[in-house]
Amino acid sequence: EDVNVIGLSILSGAHNAIIPRVMDLLKQNKMDDVLVVLGGIIPDQDLESMKNAGVAAIFQPGTAMDNIVQFIRTHVKPHGVPTAG
């Protein structure tokens, strides 16, 4: 299916293994235009590496839902949606 956003919530501390793999799979499947956001317990020292891997935003515990929704609405790229011509 065509998706516009993938949101991952990782509480296990496995983000350093999971995120690079997810981003590689997206690239291999020509889906690297999909917005990827991350939530969960991500230590401050890992924020930069997650961004460098291609994560558009990281929402840590306590982030207001309105902030998450606004970010997605602002940054999502229409994917698989016909445009007026």
Protein backbone atom coordinates (compact mmCIF):
# COMPACT_ATOMS: atom_id res chain seq x y z
CA GLU A 1 0.00 0.00 0.00
CA ASP A 2 1.03 3.58 -0.49
CA VAL A 3 1.61 5.38 2.78
CA ASN A 4 2.49 8.98 3.52
CA VAL A 5 3.85 8.55 7.05
CA ILE A 6 5.41 5.78 9.09
CA GLY A 7 5.41 6.29 12.83
CA LEU A 8 7.46 4.03 15.05
CA SER A 9 7.23 3.92 18.82
CA ILE A 10 10.26 2.23 20.30
CA LEU A 11 10.48 1.74 24.04
CA SER A 12 12.98 -1.12 24.09
CA GLY A 13 16.13 0.83 23.34
CA ALA A 14 16.54 -1.00 20.04
CA HIS A 15 16.17 2.15 17.93
CA ASN A 16 19.85 2.05 16.88
CA ALA A 17 19.25 -1.34 15.25
CA ILE A 18 15.69 -0.86 14.02
CA ILE A 19 15.79 2.60 12.44
CA PRO A 20 18.72 2.02 10.04
CA ARG A 21 17.09 -1.22 8.89
CA VAL A 22 13.70 0.42 8.32
CA MET A 23 15.31 3.28 6.41
CA ASP A 24 17.31 0.82 4.26
CA LEU A 25 14.15 -1.15 3.46
CA LEU A 26 12.31 2.02 2.49
CA LYS A 27 15.15 2.99 0.18
CA GLN A 28 15.35 -0.49 -1.38
CA ASN A 29 11.62 -0.33 -2.10
CA LYS A 30 11.81 3.19 -3.57
CA MET A 31 9.84 4.57 -0.63
CA ASP A 32 12.45 6.93 0.75
CA ASP A 33 10.04 9.84 0.20
CA VAL A 34 7.81 8.55 3.04
CA LEU A 35 7.91 10.69 6.18
CA VAL A 36 9.29 8.68 9.13
CA VAL A 37 8.67 9.85 12.68
CA LEU A 38 9.87 8.23 15.86
CA GLY A 39 8.46 8.19 19.35
CA GLY A 40 9.45 6.56 22.57
CA ILE A 41 12.36 6.65 24.92
CA ILE A 42 15.24 7.88 22.79
CA PRO A 43 18.28 9.06 24.75
CA ASP A 44 19.48 12.58 23.94
CA GLN A 45 22.82 11.24 22.72
CA ASP A 46 21.01 9.23 20.00
CA LEU A 47 18.85 12.04 18.61
CA GLU A 48 21.41 13.19 16.04
CA SER A 49 22.08 9.68 14.73
CA MET A 50 18.34 9.09 14.31
CA LYS A 51 18.00 12.34 12.34
CA ASN A 52 21.07 11.43 10.26
CA ALA A 53 19.47 8.07 9.49
CA GLY A 54 16.51 9.90 7.97
CA VAL A 55 13.99 10.24 10.79
CA ALA A 56 12.10 13.50 10.23
CA ALA A 57 11.11 14.05 13.87
CA ILE A 58 11.52 12.43 17.25
CA PHE A 59 8.72 12.78 19.78
CA GLN A 60 9.77 11.91 23.30
CA PRO A 61 7.46 11.08 26.21
CA GLY A 62 5.26 14.01 27.13
CA THR A 63 5.04 15.48 23.63
CA ALA A 64 1.57 16.92 23.10
CA MET A 65 -0.50 15.09 20.49
CA ASP A 66 -1.31 18.43 18.86
CA ASN A 67 2.40 19.00 18.22
CA ILE A 68 2.76 15.61 16.56
CA VAL A 69 -0.31 16.12 14.38
CA GLN A 70 0.82 19.61 13.36
CA PHE A 71 4.29 18.35 12.43
CA ILE A 72 2.87 15.59 10.26
CA ARG A 73 0.36 17.88 8.56
CA THR A 74 3.12 20.38 7.82
CA HIS A 75 5.72 17.91 6.55
CA VAL A 76 3.86 15.04 4.88
CA LYS A 77 4.28 14.72 1.13
CA PRO A 78 1.25 13.43 -0.77
CA HIS A 79 2.12 9.95 -2.01
CA GLY A 80 0.01 8.08 -4.51
CA VAL A 81 -2.59 10.85 -4.55
CA PRO A 82 -3.49 12.27 -7.96
CA THR A 83 -2.98 16.00 -8.27
CA ALA A 84 -5.20 18.40 -10.14
CA GLY A 85 -3.84 19.12 -13.58
